[in-house]
Amino acid sequence: MDRMKVFGQFFLAFILFFIFSNVMINVALKTTYDSMDSYIQVSKSGPVDIQIDEAKATYVNGYVGGKIVNTSDNTILNKYLKIDMFSERNVLLGTKYIDLAEIKAKEEKDFRIGFKFTDADYCRIDLVDQMEESVTSEQFLSDDLKGAKLLATVILLCYL
């Protein structure tokens, strides 16, 4: 019976340590995020009202969250929320889009989007009609590098 009591104590200690370590990890991660500025480009008299609840970033990633409210009496269709991320020196790091699809009259929608841009300092938010064409990393490769990449793949497959 004593052996079961010892096992029970070890099990309870393990569970408590697991809970403690998860809480401490979450606290450590939350404190690494710094608030960042956000600028809303949509006019206040427009058909929507955008509110940013939180915009936070670390050195390598972050997130922007808030809500969008349709203040008009009409349904808004096929709109996108465009979020441009900028560095401290006003360099555009990248753009993220949120498809709003349909927002009925007086409806409120929450949004949250994560990003992986290094050293983001502030974001600019706008409502647009269409997404711009995005550039993939494959489009940055020259033809010489594409051939070398293909050759390396073939050689690797031959040795497997």
C-alpha atoms as a PDB file:
ATOM      1  CA  MET A   1       0.000   0.000   0.000  1.00  0.00           C
ATOM      2  CA  ASP A   2       2.906   2.369   0.717  1.00  0.00           C
ATOM      3  CA  ARG A   3       4.268   1.789  -2.774  1.00  0.00           C
ATOM      4  CA  MET A   4       0.966   2.939  -4.342  1.00  0.00           C
ATOM      5  CA  LYS A   5       0.996   6.026  -2.152  1.00  0.00           C
ATOM      6  CA  VAL A   6       4.531   6.902  -3.351  1.00  0.00           C
ATOM      7  CA  PHE A   7       3.525   6.370  -6.990  1.00  0.00           C
ATOM      8  CA  GLY A   8       0.486   8.600  -6.415  1.00  0.00           C
ATOM      9  CA  GLN A   9       2.706  11.331  -4.971  1.00  0.00           C
ATOM     10  CA  PHE A  10       5.106  11.094  -7.916  1.00  0.00           C
ATOM     11  CA  PHE A  11       2.196  11.243 -10.342  1.00  0.00           C
ATOM     12  CA  LEU A  12       0.728  14.282  -8.571  1.00  0.00           C
ATOM     13  CA  ALA A  13       4.156  15.983  -8.564  1.00  0.00           C
ATOM     14  CA  PHE A  14       4.500  15.286 -12.303  1.00  0.00           C
ATOM     15  CA  ILE A  15       1.061  16.768 -13.049  1.00  0.00           C
ATOM     16  CA  LEU A  16       1.786  19.868 -10.944  1.00  0.00           C
ATOM     17  CA  PHE A  17       5.171  20.343 -12.634  1.00  0.00           C
ATOM     18  CA  PHE A  18       3.533  19.988 -16.062  1.00  0.00           C
ATOM     19  CA  ILE A  19       0.910  22.645 -15.248  1.00  0.00           C
ATOM     20  CA  PHE A  20       3.532  24.966 -13.713  1.00  0.00           C
ATOM     21  CA  SER A  21       5.863  24.680 -16.715  1.00  0.00           C
ATOM     22  CA  ASN A  22       3.038  25.369 -19.219  1.00  0.00           C
ATOM     23  CA  VAL A  23       1.941  28.453 -17.283  1.00  0.00           C
ATOM     24  CA  MET A  24       5.523  29.754 -17.113  1.00  0.00           C
ATOM     25  CA  ILE A  25       6.081  29.124 -20.835  1.00  0.00           C
ATOM     26  CA  ASN A  26       2.909  31.069 -21.699  1.00  0.00           C
ATOM     27  CA  VAL A  27       3.936  33.939 -19.402  1.00  0.00           C
ATOM     28  CA  ALA A  28       7.404  34.046 -20.972  1.00  0.00           C
ATOM     29  CA  LEU A  29       5.982  34.067 -24.512  1.00  0.00           C
ATOM     30  CA  LYS A  30       3.412  36.782 -23.746  1.00  0.00           C
ATOM     31  CA  THR A  31       6.082  39.087 -22.313  1.00  0.00           C
ATOM     32  CA  THR A  32       8.249  38.864 -25.443  1.00  0.00           C
ATOM     33  CA  TYR A  33       5.555  40.549 -27.553  1.00  0.00           C
ATOM     34  CA  ASP A  34       5.693  44.352 -27.706  1.00  0.00           C
ATOM     35  CA  SER A  35       2.799  46.535 -28.773  1.00  0.00           C
ATOM     36  CA  MET A  36       3.083  48.084 -32.198  1.00  0.00           C
ATOM     37  CA  ASP A  37       1.332  51.047 -33.767  1.00  0.00           C
ATOM     38  CA  SER A  38      -1.483  50.546 -36.250  1.00  0.00           C
ATOM     39  CA  TYR A  39      -2.892  53.120 -38.646  1.00  0.00           C
ATOM     40  CA  ILE A  40      -6.333  52.692 -40.178  1.00  0.00           C
ATOM     41  CA  GLN A  41      -6.681  54.139 -43.697  1.00  0.00           C
ATOM     42  CA  VAL A  42     -10.487  53.801 -44.019  1.00  0.00           C
ATOM     43  CA  SER A  43     -12.328  57.074 -43.369  1.00  0.00           C
ATOM     44  CA  LYS A  44     -14.655  57.198 -40.367  1.00  0.00           C
ATOM     45  CA  SER A  45     -17.536  58.253 -42.611  1.00  0.00           C
ATOM     46  CA  GLY A  46     -17.080  55.155 -44.784  1.00  0.00           C
ATOM     47  CA  PRO A  47     -19.253  52.015 -44.798  1.00  0.00           C
ATOM     48  CA  VAL A  48     -17.120  50.208 -42.184  1.00  0.00           C
ATOM     49  CA  ASP A  49     -15.568  50.918 -38.837  1.00  0.00           C
ATOM     50  CA  ILE A  50     -12.309  49.091 -38.092  1.00  0.00           C
ATOM     51  CA  GLN A  51     -11.070  48.775 -34.531  1.00  0.00           C
ATOM     52  CA  ILE A  52      -7.721  47.239 -33.627  1.00  0.00           C
ATOM     53  CA  ASP A  53      -7.828  45.487 -30.255  1.00  0.00           C
ATOM     54  CA  GLU A  54      -4.238  44.325 -30.262  1.00  0.00           C
ATOM     55  CA  ALA A  55      -1.241  44.590 -32.530  1.00  0.00           C
ATOM     56  CA  LYS A  56       1.874  42.972 -31.109  1.00  0.00           C
ATOM     57  CA  ALA A  57       5.169  41.794 -32.502  1.00  0.00           C
ATOM     58  CA  THR A  58       8.432  40.162 -31.531  1.00  0.00           C
ATOM     59  CA  TYR A  59      11.590  40.485 -33.577  1.00  0.00           C
ATOM     60  CA  VAL A  60      10.511  37.728 -35.990  1.00  0.00           C
ATOM     61  CA  ASN A  61       6.711  37.462 -35.875  1.00  0.00           C
ATOM     62  CA  GLY A  62       3.499  38.899 -34.461  1.00  0.00           C
ATOM     63  CA  TYR A  63      -0.221  39.255 -34.835  1.00  0.00           C
ATOM     64  CA  VAL A  64      -2.922  41.871 -35.434  1.00  0.00           C
ATOM     65  CA  GLY A  65      -6.465  41.437 -34.161  1.00  0.00           C
ATOM     66  CA  GLY A  66      -9.595  43.472 -33.916  1.00  0.00           C
ATOM     67  CA  LYS A  67     -13.080  43.861 -35.297  1.00  0.00           C
ATOM     68  CA  ILE A  68     -14.737  45.314 -38.346  1.00  0.00           C
ATOM     69  CA  VAL A  69     -18.278  46.676 -38.210  1.00  0.00           C
ATOM     70  CA  ASN A  70     -20.503  47.362 -41.209  1.00  0.00           C
ATOM     71  CA  THR A  71     -22.020  50.737 -40.293  1.00  0.00           C
ATOM     72  CA  SER A  72     -24.068  51.054 -43.493  1.00  0.00           C
ATOM     73  CA  ASP A  73     -27.524  49.698 -44.263  1.00  0.00           C
ATOM     74  CA  ASN A  74     -26.204  47.623 -47.183  1.00  0.00           C
ATOM     75  CA  THR A  75     -24.412  44.288 -47.286  1.00  0.00           C
ATOM     76  CA  ILE A  76     -20.722  44.576 -48.152  1.00  0.00           C
ATOM     77  CA  LEU A  77     -19.566  41.902 -50.598  1.00  0.00           C
ATOM     78  CA  ASN A  78     -16.154  40.783 -51.875  1.00  0.00           C
ATOM     79  CA  LYS A  79     -13.944  43.095 -49.827  1.00  0.00           C
ATOM     80  CA  TYR A  80     -10.535  42.428 -48.337  1.00  0.00           C
ATOM     81  CA  LEU A  81      -8.829  43.823 -45.299  1.00  0.00           C
ATOM     82  CA  LYS A  82      -5.288  44.735 -46.391  1.00  0.00           C
ATOM     83  CA  ILE A  83      -2.610  44.854 -43.685  1.00  0.00           C
ATOM     84  CA  ASP A  84       0.753  46.328 -44.702  1.00  0.00           C
ATOM     85  CA  MET A  85       3.637  45.720 -42.300  1.00  0.00           C
ATOM     86  CA  PHE A  86       6.419  48.323 -42.098  1.00  0.00           C
ATOM     87  CA  SER A  87       9.810  48.501 -40.409  1.00  0.00           C
ATOM     88  CA  GLU A  88      11.020  51.360 -38.233  1.00  0.00           C
ATOM     89  CA  ARG A  89      12.516  53.038 -41.331  1.00  0.00           C
ATOM     90  CA  ASN A  90       9.228  52.877 -43.277  1.00  0.00           C
ATOM     91  CA  VAL A  91      10.262  49.897 -45.421  1.00  0.00           C
ATOM     92  CA  LEU A  92       7.321  47.747 -46.531  1.00  0.00           C
ATOM     93  CA  LEU A  93       8.059  44.267 -45.172  1.00  0.00           C
ATOM     94  CA  GLY A  94       5.008  42.553 -46.582  1.00  0.00           C
ATOM     95  CA  THR A  95       1.257  42.530 -46.964  1.00  0.00           C
ATOM     96  CA  LYS A  96      -1.411  40.209 -45.584  1.00  0.00           C
ATOM     97  CA  TYR A  97      -5.033  40.029 -46.707  1.00  0.00           C
ATOM     98  CA  ILE A  98      -8.165  38.900 -44.894  1.00  0.00           C
ATOM     99  CA  ASP A  99     -11.090  37.878 -47.093  1.00  0.00           C
ATOM    100  CA  LEU A 100     -14.214  39.463 -45.621  1.00  0.00           C
ATOM    101  CA  ALA A 101     -16.540  37.752 -48.142  1.00  0.00           C
ATOM    102  CA  GLU A 102     -19.859  39.131 -46.869  1.00  0.00           C
ATOM    103  CA  ILE A 103     -20.667  41.479 -44.017  1.00  0.00           C
ATOM    104  CA  LYS A 104     -24.376  42.116 -43.539  1.00  0.00           C
ATOM    105  CA  ALA A 105     -25.759  45.491 -42.492  1.00  0.00           C
ATOM    106  CA  LYS A 106     -24.802  46.404 -38.902  1.00  0.00           C
ATOM    107  CA  GLU A 107     -22.876  43.108 -38.548  1.00  0.00           C
ATOM    108  CA  GLU A 108     -19.629  42.893 -36.582  1.00  0.00           C
ATOM    109  CA  LYS A 109     -16.809  40.448 -37.428  1.00  0.00           C
ATOM    110  CA  ASP A 110     -13.682  39.682 -35.444  1.00  0.00           C
ATOM    111  CA  PHE A 111     -10.379  39.123 -37.216  1.00  0.00           C
ATOM    112  CA  ARG A 112      -6.907  38.026 -36.217  1.00  0.00           C
ATOM    113  CA  ILE A 113      -3.970  37.412 -38.487  1.00  0.00           C
ATOM    114  CA  GLY A 114      -0.447  36.292 -37.735  1.00  0.00           C
ATOM    115  CA  PHE A 115       2.640  37.321 -39.637  1.00  0.00           C
ATOM    116  CA  LYS A 116       6.285  36.343 -39.880  1.00  0.00           C
ATOM    117  CA  PHE A 117       8.083  39.536 -40.823  1.00  0.00           C
ATOM    118  CA  THR A 118      11.365  40.416 -39.167  1.00  0.00           C
ATOM    119  CA  ASP A 119      11.517  43.657 -37.174  1.00  0.00           C
ATOM    120  CA  ALA A 120       7.974  44.918 -37.888  1.00  0.00           C
ATOM    121  CA  ASP A 121       7.389  48.290 -36.221  1.00  0.00           C
ATOM    122  CA  TYR A 122       3.888  49.329 -37.346  1.00  0.00           C
ATOM    123  CA  CYS A 123       1.046  48.298 -39.625  1.00  0.00           C
ATOM    124  CA  ARG A 124      -1.314  50.143 -41.936  1.00  0.00           C
ATOM    125  CA  ILE A 125      -4.815  48.752 -42.447  1.00  0.00           C
ATOM    126  CA  ASP A 126      -7.105  49.459 -45.373  1.00  0.00           C
ATOM    127  CA  LEU A 127     -10.258  48.061 -46.966  1.00  0.00           C
ATOM    128  CA  VAL A 128      -9.715  47.111 -50.637  1.00  0.00           C
ATOM    129  CA  ASP A 129     -11.792  45.594 -53.431  1.00  0.00           C
ATOM    130  CA  GLN A 130      -9.259  43.003 -54.603  1.00  0.00           C
ATOM    131  CA  MET A 131      -6.062  41.297 -53.565  1.00  0.00           C
ATOM    132  CA  GLU A 132      -2.952  42.302 -55.419  1.00  0.00           C
ATOM    133  CA  GLU A 133      -0.880  39.580 -57.000  1.00  0.00           C
ATOM    134  CA  SER A 134       1.560  38.222 -54.458  1.00  0.00           C
ATOM    135  CA  VAL A 135       5.141  37.320 -55.274  1.00  0.00           C
ATOM    136  CA  THR A 136       6.345  33.865 -54.313  1.00  0.00           C
ATOM    137  CA  SER A 137       9.893  32.974 -53.372  1.00  0.00           C
ATOM    138  CA  GLU A 138      10.097  30.882 -56.571  1.00  0.00           C
ATOM    139  CA  GLN A 139       9.680  34.060 -58.644  1.00  0.00           C
ATOM    140  CA  PHE A 140      12.835  35.514 -57.094  1.00  0.00           C
ATOM    141  CA  LEU A 141      15.035  32.673 -58.386  1.00  0.00           C
ATOM    142  CA  SER A 142      16.941  33.261 -61.590  1.00  0.00           C
ATOM    143  CA  ASP A 143      16.864  30.662 -64.379  1.00  0.00           C
ATOM    144  CA  ASP A 144      20.394  29.520 -63.449  1.00  0.00           C
ATOM    145  CA  LEU A 145      19.345  28.848 -59.870  1.00  0.00           C
ATOM    146  CA  LYS A 146      16.199  27.013 -60.986  1.00  0.00           C
ATOM    147  CA  GLY A 147      18.346  24.678 -63.097  1.00  0.00           C
ATOM    148  CA  ALA A 148      20.776  24.112 -60.239  1.00  0.00           C
ATOM    149  CA  LYS A 149      17.874  23.365 -57.915  1.00  0.00           C
ATOM    150  CA  LEU A 150      16.504  20.810 -60.389  1.00  0.00           C
ATOM    151  CA  LEU A 151      19.936  19.200 -60.815  1.00  0.00           C
ATOM    152  CA  ALA A 152      20.417  18.954 -57.055  1.00  0.00           C
ATOM    153  CA  THR A 153      17.003  17.295 -56.713  1.00  0.00           C
ATOM    154  CA  VAL A 154      17.818  14.724 -59.427  1.00  0.00           C
ATOM    155  CA  ILE A 155      21.201  13.904 -57.849  1.00  0.00           C
ATOM    156  CA  LEU A 156      19.598  13.510 -54.448  1.00  0.00           C
ATOM    157  CA  LEU A 157      16.945  11.170 -55.850  1.00  0.00           C
ATOM    158  CA  CYS A 158      19.622   9.041 -57.569  1.00  0.00           C
ATOM    159  CA  TYR A 159      21.382   8.408 -54.265  1.00  0.00           C
ATOM    160  CA  LEU A 160      18.213   7.430 -52.409  1.00  0.00           C
END
